[in-house]
């Protein structure tokens, strides 16, 4: 899936997807949930709180 295809699926611009990938933009809860749903994973798989270790 391209950045543009993902952006189209979740209703944002390709630039937003690029910024999220580079860690320059923290998505809203709604967008984070839409991204996780698109990939069929829990939101915690895609995002973590900076400074927290993931135990899983």
N, C-alpha and C. Protein backbone atom coordinates (compact mmCIF):
# COMPACT_ATOMS: atom_id res chain seq x y z
N UNK A 1 0.85 -1.18 0.00
CA UNK A 1 0.00 0.00 0.00
C UNK A 1 0.90 1.24 0.00
N UNK A 2 0.59 2.17 -0.86
CA UNK A 2 1.38 3.40 -0.90
C UNK A 2 0.93 4.37 0.19
N UNK A 3 1.75 5.38 0.45
CA UNK A 3 1.35 6.41 1.40
C UNK A 3 0.06 7.07 0.94
N UNK A 4 -0.07 7.31 -0.36
CA UNK A 4 -1.28 7.96 -0.87
C UNK A 4 -2.51 7.08 -0.68
N UNK A 5 -2.38 5.79 -0.93
CA UNK A 5 -3.50 4.88 -0.73
C UNK A 5 -3.92 4.85 0.74
N UNK A 6 -2.95 4.81 1.63
CA UNK A 6 -3.25 4.82 3.06
C UNK A 6 -3.92 6.14 3.44
N UNK A 7 -3.38 7.24 2.96
CA UNK A 7 -3.96 8.55 3.25
C UNK A 7 -5.42 8.61 2.79
N UNK A 8 -5.67 8.12 1.59
CA UNK A 8 -7.04 8.11 1.06
C UNK A 8 -7.96 7.26 1.93
N UNK A 9 -7.47 6.13 2.40
CA UNK A 9 -8.31 5.24 3.21
C UNK A 9 -8.70 5.84 4.55
N UNK A 10 -7.78 6.61 5.15
CA UNK A 10 -8.06 7.14 6.48
C UNK A 10 -8.45 8.62 6.47
N UNK A 11 -8.47 9.23 5.28
CA UNK A 11 -9.00 10.58 5.16
C UNK A 11 -8.03 11.71 5.51
N UNK A 12 -6.75 11.52 5.22
CA UNK A 12 -5.76 12.57 5.44
C UNK A 12 -4.92 12.74 4.18
N UNK A 13 -3.96 13.66 4.22
CA UNK A 13 -3.07 13.84 3.08
C UNK A 13 -1.89 12.89 3.16
N UNK A 14 -1.22 12.71 2.04
CA UNK A 14 -0.01 11.89 2.03
C UNK A 14 1.05 12.51 2.92
N UNK A 15 1.10 13.84 2.96
CA UNK A 15 2.07 14.53 3.80
C UNK A 15 1.85 14.20 5.28
N UNK A 16 0.59 14.06 5.70
CA UNK A 16 0.31 13.68 7.08
C UNK A 16 0.87 12.30 7.38
N UNK A 17 0.66 11.35 6.47
CA UNK A 17 1.19 10.00 6.65
C UNK A 17 2.71 10.05 6.75
N UNK A 18 3.35 10.81 5.88
CA UNK A 18 4.81 10.95 5.90
C UNK A 18 5.28 11.52 7.24
N UNK A 19 4.60 12.53 7.74
CA UNK A 19 4.97 13.15 9.01
C UNK A 19 4.82 12.18 10.18
N UNK A 20 3.77 11.37 10.15
CA UNK A 20 3.57 10.36 11.20
C UNK A 20 4.71 9.34 11.14
N UNK A 21 5.04 8.87 9.93
CA UNK A 21 6.10 7.88 9.78
C UNK A 21 7.44 8.40 10.29
N UNK A 22 7.68 9.68 10.09
CA UNK A 22 8.96 10.28 10.51
C UNK A 22 8.96 10.71 11.97
N UNK A 23 7.83 10.53 12.65
CA UNK A 23 7.75 10.90 14.06
C UNK A 23 7.62 12.39 14.30
N UNK A 24 7.19 13.12 13.29
CA UNK A 24 7.06 14.57 13.41
C UNK A 24 5.64 15.01 13.72
N UNK A 25 4.72 14.08 13.73
CA UNK A 25 3.32 14.42 13.95
C UNK A 25 2.67 13.32 14.75
N UNK A 26 1.98 13.71 15.82
CA UNK A 26 1.22 12.76 16.61
C UNK A 26 -0.23 12.83 16.16
N UNK A 27 -0.76 11.73 15.64
CA UNK A 27 -2.12 11.76 15.14
C UNK A 27 -3.14 11.87 16.26
N UNK A 28 -4.32 12.33 15.90
CA UNK A 28 -5.43 12.35 16.85
C UNK A 28 -5.78 10.90 17.21
N UNK A 29 -6.52 10.74 18.26
CA UNK A 29 -6.97 9.40 18.66
C UNK A 29 -7.78 8.77 17.53
N UNK A 30 -8.66 9.55 16.93
CA UNK A 30 -9.48 9.02 15.85
C UNK A 30 -8.64 8.54 14.67
N UNK A 31 -7.66 9.33 14.28
CA UNK A 31 -6.80 8.94 13.16
C UNK A 31 -5.96 7.72 13.54
N UNK A 32 -5.44 7.69 14.75
CA UNK A 32 -4.66 6.53 15.20
C UNK A 32 -5.50 5.26 15.15
N UNK A 33 -6.75 5.37 15.56
CA UNK A 33 -7.65 4.21 15.52
C UNK A 33 -7.97 3.80 14.09
N UNK A 34 -8.17 4.77 13.20
CA UNK A 34 -8.43 4.44 11.80
C UNK A 34 -7.22 3.76 11.16
N UNK A 35 -6.03 4.24 11.47
CA UNK A 35 -4.81 3.61 10.95
C UNK A 35 -4.69 2.17 11.45
N UNK A 36 -4.90 1.97 12.75
CA UNK A 36 -4.81 0.63 13.31
C UNK A 36 -5.84 -0.30 12.68
N UNK A 37 -7.06 0.18 12.51
CA UNK A 37 -8.12 -0.62 11.90
C UNK A 37 -7.75 -0.98 10.47
N UNK A 38 -7.17 -0.04 9.74
CA UNK A 38 -6.76 -0.28 8.35
C UNK A 38 -5.77 -1.43 8.27
N UNK A 39 -4.85 -1.49 9.25
CA UNK A 39 -3.83 -2.55 9.25
C UNK A 39 -4.26 -3.79 10.02
N UNK A 40 -5.43 -3.73 10.67
CA UNK A 40 -5.92 -4.89 11.41
C UNK A 40 -5.13 -5.20 12.66
N UNK A 41 -4.62 -4.15 13.31
CA UNK A 41 -3.83 -4.34 14.53
C UNK A 41 -4.34 -3.40 15.62
N UNK A 42 -3.89 -3.65 16.84
CA UNK A 42 -4.20 -2.75 17.95
C UNK A 42 -3.41 -1.46 17.79
N UNK A 43 -3.98 -0.36 18.24
CA UNK A 43 -3.31 0.93 18.10
C UNK A 43 -1.94 0.92 18.78
N UNK A 44 -1.79 0.12 19.84
CA UNK A 44 -0.51 0.04 20.55
C UNK A 44 0.58 -0.58 19.70
N UNK A 45 0.21 -1.34 18.68
CA UNK A 45 1.20 -1.93 17.78
C UNK A 45 1.82 -0.84 16.91
N UNK A 46 1.04 0.16 16.55
CA UNK A 46 1.52 1.22 15.68
C UNK A 46 2.17 2.37 16.43
N UNK A 47 1.69 2.65 17.63
CA UNK A 47 2.14 3.83 18.37
C UNK A 47 2.48 3.47 19.80
N UNK A 48 3.49 4.16 20.33
CA UNK A 48 3.80 4.01 21.74
C UNK A 48 4.12 5.39 22.30
N UNK A 49 3.98 5.53 23.60
CA UNK A 49 4.27 6.80 24.26
C UNK A 49 5.77 6.91 24.39
N UNK A 50 6.30 8.04 23.96
CA UNK A 50 7.74 8.26 24.01
C UNK A 50 8.25 8.11 25.43
N UNK A 51 9.32 7.35 25.60
CA UNK A 51 9.91 7.14 26.92
C UNK A 51 9.37 5.94 27.66
N UNK A 52 8.31 5.33 27.16
CA UNK A 52 7.77 4.13 27.79
C UNK A 52 8.23 2.90 27.04
N UNK A 53 8.60 1.88 27.77
CA UNK A 53 8.95 0.63 27.14
C UNK A 53 7.67 -0.15 26.90
N UNK A 54 7.64 -0.86 25.76
CA UNK A 54 6.48 -1.70 25.44
C UNK A 54 6.71 -3.09 26.02
N UNK A 55 5.83 -3.52 26.88
CA UNK A 55 5.91 -4.87 27.46
C UNK A 55 4.84 -5.72 26.79
N UNK A 56 5.28 -6.67 26.02
CA UNK A 56 4.26 -7.44 25.34
C UNK A 56 4.76 -8.64 24.76
